[in-house]
């Protein structure tokens, strides 16, 4: 088992390596480098956890030694038992006396003194002695330490589901720009408006100038970068110093979690003004749900076939869990046969994975219901590789000491943008009126 010195050296080296790695690769960051960076951070965090565990065990051994020292010492009377008389002692007076004497023993000799005092009080009624170890501070319970755990309990976080599906590209500018072929006006097979034709053998222009066409033509796809910067988190020096848990790590975890959810929300329905543009605002075509105030089988199939075949490989259905329940209840209308046989739902529709986004998607008006509000968009079917995230700066958490003195501030920032670059790769289900 490594000692504390080895662990400190290991943790320090991991943190230093992570910082060096980030500085050397910040300009060309990708998923592989992020994974390596996360592994370095984990090594540093694991070393810190082992050090805390070792220190906790050493504290327990020290306490055990004090207990052993107590049991090895002869019992010394702190107070003489009261003289037996025919008069029964007043319980309130006994409780008051026991509390005062116990407190005095604790002040003089600490835990060991309190324990020795309790040994001398065999003549006191059990309920009076129990008062010393209760949770009621009026009965001496303040002498009993709490059984504290070095772990912070928090609610289970939701899932950030859209960003991992998208294509992420790094940039060192305030916008990411691609040259782009203007697509054909009516034929989604063609990557441009350029057209061809067959001619008869021996065809000549007859001395006239040949016909020309103005295709292919080019345009630009420009993804602007936006700033993500919540208010700083301010922490008092007392809380930083006295916290038994790694407070800074908890704050950073909560900040990273929030950024992931904010990014997902904007990928879905951002308006593109000072924030990423969402799929719902990208101009992608919509498909009628096929059922008034609901979802029909025809609408679901139309959603699938609406995406051109070349974009369907890798495409997914996005909906929330309540909408998924409505889809499972669909039937063909012929003999009440379910479109998805009972107990055979495997989280796919027509062979494509279903991704659940339980926060932000339009949903049924009642949990488990099949009624939707007309005009809402409960399902998206699309290939999210054609949504590009332009990442200028990953999440950074800056410590601000002087600005919030004597407190410490944690200021999170990130810079990114995003938008759909091929609207043909997406179809949006719209509930019929």
Protein backbone atom coordinates (compact mmCIF):
# COMPACT_ATOMS: atom_id res chain seq x y z
CA UNK A 1 0.00 0.00 0.00
CA UNK A 2 1.52 3.38 -0.98
CA UNK A 3 2.17 5.85 1.81
CA UNK A 4 0.94 9.44 1.91
CA UNK A 5 4.21 10.81 0.57
CA UNK A 6 4.07 8.53 -2.49
CA UNK A 7 0.43 9.42 -3.08
CA UNK A 8 1.14 13.14 -2.86
CA UNK A 9 3.95 12.77 -5.38
CA UNK A 10 1.69 10.73 -7.65
CA UNK A 11 -1.22 13.22 -7.39
CA UNK A 12 1.06 16.22 -7.90
CA UNK A 13 2.65 14.64 -10.97
CA UNK A 14 -0.76 13.74 -12.45
CA UNK A 15 -2.04 17.29 -11.95
CA UNK A 16 1.15 18.78 -13.41
CA UNK A 17 1.04 16.42 -16.39
CA UNK A 18 -2.61 17.30 -17.01
CA UNK A 19 -1.86 21.03 -16.95
CA UNK A 20 1.10 20.62 -19.33
CA UNK A 21 -0.92 18.38 -21.64
CA UNK A 22 -3.74 20.93 -21.78
CA UNK A 23 -1.44 23.86 -22.53
CA UNK A 24 0.36 21.95 -25.28
CA UNK A 25 -2.81 20.74 -26.98
CA UNK A 26 -5.39 23.48 -26.29
CA UNK A 27 -5.33 24.72 -29.88
CA UNK A 28 -6.24 21.34 -31.41
CA UNK A 29 -8.45 19.58 -28.91
CA UNK A 30 -10.44 16.47 -29.79
CA UNK A 31 -12.33 13.63 -28.10
CA UNK A 32 -9.22 11.45 -27.79
CA UNK A 33 -7.27 14.22 -26.06
CA UNK A 34 -10.24 14.94 -23.81
CA UNK A 35 -10.32 11.28 -22.74
CA UNK A 36 -6.56 11.35 -21.98
CA UNK A 37 -6.96 14.61 -20.07
CA UNK A 38 -9.85 13.13 -18.04
CA UNK A 39 -7.69 10.10 -17.17
CA UNK A 40 -4.94 12.39 -15.85
CA UNK A 41 -7.44 14.32 -13.73
CA UNK A 42 -8.84 11.02 -12.42
CA UNK A 43 -5.34 9.89 -11.36
CA UNK A 44 -4.92 13.10 -9.35
CA UNK A 45 -8.40 12.78 -7.79
CA UNK A 46 -7.88 9.08 -6.93
CA UNK A 47 -4.60 9.91 -5.17
CA UNK A 48 -6.38 12.58 -3.13
CA UNK A 49 -9.12 10.09 -2.16
CA UNK A 50 -6.52 7.54 -1.01
CA UNK A 51 -4.76 10.18 1.10
CA UNK A 52 -8.05 11.13 2.78
CA UNK A 53 -8.78 7.43 3.44
CA UNK A 54 -5.33 6.90 4.98
CA UNK A 55 -5.71 10.00 7.18
CA UNK A 56 -9.15 8.78 8.29
CA UNK A 57 -7.70 5.37 9.25
CA UNK A 58 -4.86 7.03 11.18
CA UNK A 59 -7.39 9.13 13.10
CA UNK A 60 -9.34 5.97 13.95
CA UNK A 61 -6.17 4.21 15.14
CA UNK A 62 -5.35 7.21 17.33
CA UNK A 63 -8.83 7.09 18.83
CA UNK A 64 -8.47 3.34 19.37
CA UNK A 65 -5.19 3.91 21.22
CA UNK A 66 -6.90 6.42 23.51
CA UNK A 67 -9.66 3.89 24.24
CA UNK A 68 -7.08 1.20 25.03
CA UNK A 69 -5.27 3.60 27.33
CA UNK A 70 -8.55 4.23 29.13
CA UNK A 71 -9.35 0.55 29.60
CA UNK A 72 -5.83 -0.15 30.89
CA UNK A 73 -6.09 2.48 33.61
CA UNK A 74 -7.63 1.68 37.01
CA UNK A 75 -11.05 3.09 37.65
CA UNK A 76 -10.97 6.26 39.75
CA UNK A 77 -14.13 7.45 41.42
CA UNK A 78 -15.26 10.88 40.40
CA UNK A 79 -18.04 11.08 42.90
CA UNK A 80 -19.23 8.97 45.74
CA UNK A 81 -22.57 7.19 45.48
CA UNK A 82 -25.29 8.86 47.50
CA UNK A 83 -26.01 7.49 50.94
CA UNK A 84 -28.89 5.06 50.78
CA UNK A 85 -31.99 6.32 52.52
CA UNK A 86 -35.65 5.43 52.48
CA UNK A 87 -36.33 8.56 50.43
CA UNK A 88 -36.41 7.92 46.70
CA UNK A 89 -34.19 10.32 44.71
CA UNK A 90 -35.86 12.92 42.55
CA UNK A 91 -35.28 11.88 38.88
CA UNK A 92 -34.98 15.52 37.78
CA UNK A 93 -32.37 16.25 40.45
CA UNK A 94 -30.44 13.10 39.49
CA UNK A 95 -30.48 14.04 35.79
CA UNK A 96 -29.27 17.54 36.59
CA UNK A 97 -26.44 16.24 38.82
CA UNK A 98 -25.37 13.61 36.28
CA UNK A 99 -25.26 16.19 33.46
CA UNK A 100 -23.14 18.61 35.51
CA UNK A 101 -20.71 15.96 36.73
CA UNK A 102 -20.43 14.40 33.26
CA UNK A 103 -19.70 17.77 31.71
CA UNK A 104 -17.05 18.51 34.34
CA UNK A 105 -15.38 15.13 33.71
CA UNK A 106 -15.42 15.78 29.96
CA UNK A 107 -13.87 19.24 30.34
CA UNK A 108 -11.09 17.92 32.60
CA UNK A 109 -10.13 14.74 30.71
CA UNK A 110 -12.08 14.61 27.45
CA UNK A 111 -13.71 11.39 26.19
CA UNK A 112 -11.69 9.14 28.50
CA UNK A 113 -12.74 11.15 31.55
CA UNK A 114 -16.39 10.96 30.53
CA UNK A 115 -16.14 7.20 30.03
CA UNK A 116 -14.57 6.66 33.46
CA UNK A 117 -17.26 8.77 35.04
CA UNK A 118 -19.98 6.63 33.50
CA UNK A 119 -18.36 3.52 35.00
CA UNK A 120 -18.79 4.96 38.49
CA UNK A 121 -22.50 5.58 38.04
CA UNK A 122 -23.81 2.01 38.23
CA UNK A 123 -26.14 3.12 41.05
CA UNK A 124 -27.87 5.65 38.79
CA UNK A 125 -31.06 4.59 37.03
CA UNK A 126 -30.54 3.52 33.39
CA UNK A 127 -32.74 6.30 32.05
CA UNK A 128 -30.52 8.92 33.67
CA UNK A 129 -27.38 7.41 32.16
CA UNK A 130 -29.08 7.09 28.80
CA UNK A 131 -29.67 10.81 28.91
CA UNK A 132 -25.93 11.31 28.43
CA UNK A 133 -25.89 9.54 25.08
CA UNK A 134 -29.18 10.74 23.62
CA UNK A 135 -29.57 13.11 20.69
CA UNK A 136 -31.25 15.70 22.92
CA UNK A 137 -28.70 18.38 23.81
CA UNK A 138 -30.76 19.30 26.88
CA UNK A 139 -30.00 15.82 28.24
CA UNK A 140 -26.28 15.80 27.59
CA UNK A 141 -26.46 14.65 23.99
CA UNK A 142 -24.03 17.37 22.93
CA UNK A 143 -21.27 15.10 24.27
CA UNK A 144 -22.00 12.45 21.64
CA UNK A 145 -20.25 12.97 18.25
CA UNK A 146 -22.26 12.52 15.05
CA UNK A 147 -21.56 9.57 12.75
CA UNK A 148 -20.54 11.72 9.74
CA UNK A 149 -19.83 10.45 6.24
CA UNK A 150 -17.36 12.05 3.81
CA UNK A 151 -19.82 11.88 0.92
CA UNK A 152 -22.25 14.43 -0.49
CA UNK A 153 -25.66 13.06 -1.44
CA UNK A 154 -27.39 14.63 -4.43
CA UNK A 155 -30.28 13.86 -6.71
CA UNK A 156 -29.54 11.71 -9.76
CA UNK A 157 -28.73 13.92 -12.72
CA UNK A 158 -30.54 13.59 -16.02
CA UNK A 159 -28.80 12.69 -19.25
CA UNK A 160 -27.22 15.02 -21.78
CA UNK A 161 -28.08 13.06 -24.93
CA UNK A 162 -27.85 15.31 -27.99
CA UNK A 163 -24.32 16.76 -27.77
CA UNK A 164 -22.63 13.31 -27.85
CA UNK A 165 -24.50 12.58 -31.12
CA UNK A 166 -23.25 15.74 -32.82
CA UNK A 167 -20.01 16.41 -34.63
CA UNK A 168 -17.70 18.66 -32.60
CA UNK A 169 -15.02 20.76 -34.27
CA UNK A 170 -12.44 22.92 -32.50
CA UNK A 171 -11.67 26.46 -33.62
CA UNK A 172 -9.37 29.28 -32.56
CA UNK A 173 -11.59 32.00 -34.00
CA UNK A 174 -14.96 33.54 -33.13
CA UNK A 175 -16.65 31.57 -35.94
CA UNK A 176 -16.16 28.34 -37.86
CA UNK A 177 -16.62 28.68 -41.65
CA UNK A 178 -16.88 26.06 -44.41
CA UNK A 179 -17.25 26.52 -48.15
CA UNK A 180 -20.41 24.69 -49.15
CA UNK A 181 -21.95 23.48 -52.39
CA UNK A 182 -25.39 24.95 -52.96
CA UNK A 183 -27.73 21.94 -53.12
CA UNK A 184 -30.07 21.09 -55.97
CA UNK A 185 -33.38 22.93 -55.79
CA UNK A 186 -35.55 19.82 -56.11
CA UNK A 187 -33.43 16.64 -56.27
CA UNK A 188 -32.05 15.71 -52.85
CA UNK A 189 -29.83 13.04 -54.45
CA UNK A 190 -27.62 15.64 -56.06
CA UNK A 191 -25.02 17.56 -54.12
CA UNK A 192 -25.42 20.59 -56.41
CA UNK A 193 -27.61 22.05 -59.15
CA UNK A 194 -25.31 20.73 -61.89
CA UNK A 195 -27.30 18.75 -64.51
CA UNK A 196 -26.30 16.45 -67.34
CA UNK A 197 -27.99 15.16 -70.51
CA UNK A 198 -27.55 12.60 -73.27
CA UNK A 199 -27.16 13.55 -76.93
CA UNK A 200 -27.39 11.65 -80.17
CA UNK A 201 -24.19 10.21 -81.62
CA UNK A 202 -22.23 12.69 -83.68
CA UNK A 203 -24.01 15.60 -82.05
CA UNK A 204 -22.41 18.94 -82.87
CA UNK A 205 -23.34 22.46 -81.90
CA UNK A 206 -23.97 23.44 -85.51
CA UNK A 207 -21.60 26.30 -85.31
CA UNK A 208 -23.53 27.98 -82.52
CA UNK A 209 -22.11 28.66 -79.08
CA UNK A 210 -22.64 25.69 -76.74
CA UNK A 211 -25.24 25.98 -73.97
CA UNK A 212 -23.70 26.64 -70.56
CA UNK A 213 -25.01 26.29 -67.02
CA UNK A 214 -24.12 28.24 -63.95
CA UNK A 215 -23.67 25.22 -61.66
CA UNK A 216 -22.18 24.11 -59.38
CA UNK A 217 -22.33 27.20 -57.17
CA UNK A 218 -20.80 27.71 -53.77
CA UNK A 219 -21.88 29.34 -50.54
CA UNK A 220 -20.61 29.42 -46.96
CA UNK A 221 -21.71 27.66 -43.79
CA UNK A 222 -20.78 29.96 -40.91
CA UNK A 223 -21.15 28.85 -37.28
CA UNK A 224 -20.62 31.75 -34.85
CA UNK A 225 -19.14 31.12 -31.40
CA UNK A 226 -21.06 32.28 -28.31
CA UNK A 227 -20.01 32.75 -24.67
CA UNK A 228 -21.43 30.67 -21.82
CA UNK A 229 -20.79 32.39 -18.49
CA UNK A 230 -23.09 31.93 -15.48
CA UNK A 231 -22.71 34.00 -12.33
CA UNK A 232 -19.75 33.10 -10.14
CA UNK A 233 -20.18 30.72 -7.19
CA UNK A 234 -19.05 32.44 -3.98
CA UNK A 235 -17.79 30.35 -1.05
CA UNK A 236 -16.75 31.60 2.40
CA UNK A 237 -13.25 30.81 3.72
CA UNK A 238 -14.80 29.06 6.72
CA UNK A 239 -16.69 26.66 4.49
CA UNK A 240 -13.61 26.04 2.33
CA UNK A 241 -11.48 25.32 5.40
CA UNK A 242 -13.97 23.32 7.46
CA UNK A 243 -15.64 21.24 4.76
CA UNK A 244 -14.98 17.54 5.24
CA UNK A 245 -15.71 16.82 1.57
CA UNK A 246 -13.81 18.08 -1.47
CA UNK A 247 -15.93 21.19 -1.94
CA UNK A 248 -14.10 22.50 -5.01
CA UNK A 249 -14.50 19.19 -6.83
CA UNK A 250 -18.24 19.15 -6.05
CA UNK A 251 -18.67 22.70 -7.38
CA UNK A 252 -16.81 21.85 -10.60
CA UNK A 253 -18.90 18.71 -11.09
CA UNK A 254 -22.16 20.66 -10.73
CA UNK A 255 -20.93 23.35 -13.16
CA UNK A 256 -19.92 20.79 -15.80
CA UNK A 257 -23.28 19.07 -15.41
CA UNK A 258 -25.13 22.36 -15.95
CA UNK A 259 -23.13 23.20 -19.10
CA UNK A 260 -23.93 19.79 -20.58
CA UNK A 261 -27.67 20.34 -20.04
CA UNK A 262 -27.58 23.92 -21.35
CA UNK A 263 -25.78 22.73 -24.48
CA UNK A 264 -28.39 20.00 -25.06
CA UNK A 265 -31.26 22.47 -24.62
CA UNK A 266 -29.83 24.83 -27.25
CA UNK A 267 -29.06 22.01 -29.71
CA UNK A 268 -32.78 21.27 -29.50
CA UNK A 269 -34.38 24.72 -29.68
CA UNK A 270 -31.80 27.52 -29.47
CA UNK A 271 -32.74 30.58 -31.55
CA UNK A 272 -29.18 31.30 -32.76
CA UNK A 273 -29.10 34.77 -31.17
CA UNK A 274 -26.17 34.84 -28.73
CA UNK A 275 -26.63 31.06 -28.41
CA UNK A 276 -26.40 27.96 -30.65
CA UNK A 277 -29.17 27.42 -33.19
CA UNK A 278 -31.37 24.42 -32.45
CA UNK A 279 -32.75 21.75 -34.77
CA UNK A 280 -36.30 23.04 -34.23
CA UNK A 281 -35.25 26.47 -35.54
CA UNK A 282 -32.99 25.26 -38.35
CA UNK A 283 -35.56 25.30 -41.13
CA UNK A 284 -35.70 21.49 -41.31
CA UNK A 285 -38.91 20.17 -42.88
CA UNK A 286 -41.83 19.08 -40.72
CA UNK A 287 -44.05 16.01 -41.09
CA UNK A 288 -47.72 15.85 -40.08
CA UNK A 289 -48.33 13.50 -37.14
CA UNK A 290 -51.13 11.74 -39.03
CA UNK A 291 -53.63 12.00 -36.18
CA UNK A 292 -55.54 14.98 -34.77
CA UNK A 293 -54.03 15.87 -31.39
CA UNK A 294 -51.99 12.68 -31.42
CA UNK A 295 -49.43 10.52 -33.19
CA UNK A 296 -50.49 8.13 -35.92
CA UNK A 297 -48.69 5.23 -37.56
CA UNK A 298 -48.74 7.09 -40.88
CA UNK A 299 -47.08 10.11 -39.26
CA UNK A 300 -44.33 7.95 -37.72
CA UNK A 301 -43.62 6.25 -41.05
CA UNK A 302 -43.75 9.59 -42.86
CA UNK A 303 -41.20 10.94 -40.41
CA UNK A 304 -38.89 8.04 -41.23
CA UNK A 305 -39.28 8.19 -45.02
CA UNK A 306 -39.10 12.00 -45.03
CA UNK A 307 -35.35 11.84 -44.37
CA UNK A 308 -33.60 10.99 -47.66
CA UNK A 309 -32.08 7.51 -47.75
CA UNK A 310 -28.49 8.75 -47.83
CA UNK A 311 -28.95 10.45 -44.44
CA UNK A 312 -30.83 7.65 -42.68
CA UNK A 313 -27.82 5.48 -41.71
CA UNK A 314 -26.90 6.71 -38.23
CA UNK A 315 -30.15 8.65 -37.79
CA UNK A 316 -32.01 8.41 -34.46
CA UNK A 317 -35.48 9.20 -33.11
CA UNK A 318 -35.48 11.80 -30.31
CA UNK A 319 -38.44 12.03 -27.91
CA UNK A 320 -39.22 12.02 -24.21
CA UNK A 321 -40.36 8.99 -22.22
CA UNK A 322 -44.03 10.02 -22.17
CA UNK A 323 -44.09 10.30 -25.97
CA UNK A 324 -42.42 6.91 -26.13
CA UNK A 325 -45.37 5.53 -24.16
CA UNK A 326 -47.77 6.99 -26.73
CA UNK A 327 -45.78 5.42 -29.57
CA UNK A 328 -45.83 1.98 -27.92
CA UNK A 329 -49.65 2.21 -27.75
CA UNK A 330 -50.02 2.82 -31.51
CA UNK A 331 -52.09 0.27 -33.39
CA UNK A 332 -52.70 -0.32 -37.07
CA UNK A 333 -56.44 0.28 -36.82
CA UNK A 334 -57.13 -3.24 -38.11
CA UNK A 335 -58.42 -5.44 -35.34
CA UNK A 336 -56.63 -3.35 -32.72
CA UNK A 337 -53.25 -4.85 -33.64
CA UNK A 338 -50.41 -2.97 -31.99
CA UNK A 339 -47.75 -1.50 -34.27
CA UNK A 340 -45.20 -2.67 -31.70
CA UNK A 341 -46.20 -6.09 -30.25
CA UNK A 342 -46.55 -6.05 -26.45
CA UNK A 343 -43.34 -6.74 -24.51
CA UNK A 344 -41.27 -6.52 -27.67
CA UNK A 345 -40.25 -2.87 -27.51
CA UNK A 346 -36.47 -2.76 -27.84
CA UNK A 347 -35.89 1.00 -27.91
CA UNK A 348 -35.79 1.08 -31.70
CA UNK A 349 -38.28 2.26 -34.32
CA UNK A 350 -37.92 0.79 -37.80
CA UNK A 351 -34.42 -0.31 -36.85
CA UNK A 352 -33.27 3.09 -35.56
CA UNK A 353 -32.31 3.85 -31.97
CA UNK A 354 -34.62 5.93 -29.76
CA UNK A 355 -32.86 8.62 -27.72
CA UNK A 356 -34.78 9.90 -24.71
CA UNK A 357 -34.63 13.62 -23.95
CA UNK A 358 -36.97 13.95 -20.98
CA UNK A 359 -36.49 17.69 -20.52
CA UNK A 360 -37.36 20.14 -23.28
CA UNK A 361 -39.20 18.01 -25.84
CA UNK A 362 -42.93 18.60 -26.36
CA UNK A 363 -44.87 15.83 -24.68
CA UNK A 364 -48.33 14.37 -24.07
CA UNK A 365 -50.69 16.41 -21.91
CA UNK A 366 -50.89 13.63 -19.29
CA UNK A 367 -48.28 11.14 -18.17
CA UNK A 368 -48.80 7.90 -20.07
CA UNK A 369 -51.42 9.61 -22.29
CA UNK A 370 -51.66 9.83 -26.07
CA UNK A 371 -53.10 13.34 -26.47
CA UNK A 372 -50.84 16.18 -27.64
CA UNK A 373 -51.33 19.87 -28.26
CA UNK A 374 -51.71 20.79 -31.93
CA UNK A 375 -48.63 22.42 -33.43
CA UNK A 376 -46.16 20.89 -30.98
CA UNK A 377 -43.11 18.87 -32.04
CA UNK A 378 -42.83 15.71 -29.90
CA UNK A 379 -40.41 13.71 -32.12
CA UNK A 380 -37.34 14.48 -34.22
CA UNK A 381 -35.83 11.96 -36.62
CA UNK A 382 -32.41 12.89 -37.91
CA UNK A 383 -28.72 12.27 -38.34
CA UNK A 384 -26.99 14.48 -35.77
CA UNK A 385 -23.63 14.16 -37.51
CA UNK A 386 -25.00 17.01 -39.62
CA UNK A 387 -25.28 19.22 -36.56
CA UNK A 388 -21.83 20.72 -35.92
CA UNK A 389 -20.69 22.14 -32.58
CA UNK A 390 -17.94 24.76 -32.97
CA UNK A 391 -15.90 24.70 -29.76
CA UNK A 392 -13.59 27.65 -29.16
CA UNK A 393 -12.97 27.06 -25.46
CA UNK A 394 -13.92 24.12 -23.29
CA UNK A 395 -15.24 24.59 -19.78
CA UNK A 396 -12.87 26.50 -17.52
CA UNK A 397 -13.47 27.28 -13.85
CA UNK A 398 -11.45 30.27 -12.67
CA UNK A 399 -10.73 30.86 -8.98
CA UNK A 400 -11.28 34.50 -8.04
CA UNK A 401 -9.67 35.25 -4.68
CA UNK A 402 -9.13 38.99 -4.55
CA UNK A 403 -12.37 39.99 -6.25
CA UNK A 404 -14.54 38.27 -3.63
CA UNK A 405 -12.15 38.58 -0.67
CA UNK A 406 -12.29 37.24 1.95
CA UNK A 407 -14.46 34.72 0.09
CA UNK A 408 -13.42 32.66 -2.94
CA UNK A 409 -15.30 32.86 -6.22
CA UNK A 410 -15.52 30.16 -8.88
CA UNK A 411 -16.28 31.65 -12.30
CA UNK A 412 -17.17 29.14 -15.07
CA UNK A 413 -16.79 30.04 -18.75
CA UNK A 414 -17.01 28.26 -22.09
CA UNK A 415 -17.22 29.37 -25.73
CA UNK A 416 -19.07 27.37 -28.36
CA UNK A 417 -21.61 27.58 -31.15
CA UNK A 418 -23.63 25.11 -33.15
CA UNK A 419 -26.14 24.66 -35.95
CA UNK A 420 -27.53 22.24 -38.52
CA UNK A 421 -25.40 22.20 -41.68
CA UNK A 422 -27.69 19.97 -43.79
CA UNK A 423 -31.38 20.42 -43.07
CA UNK A 424 -32.26 17.42 -45.30
CA UNK A 425 -30.78 15.17 -42.60
CA UNK A 426 -33.64 16.04 -40.19
CA UNK A 427 -37.42 15.79 -40.08
CA UNK A 428 -39.63 17.15 -37.31
CA UNK A 429 -42.99 15.65 -36.39
CA UNK A 430 -45.72 18.27 -35.98
CA UNK A 431 -48.96 17.36 -34.18
CA UNK A 432 -51.97 17.83 -36.44
CA UNK A 433 -54.87 20.06 -35.40
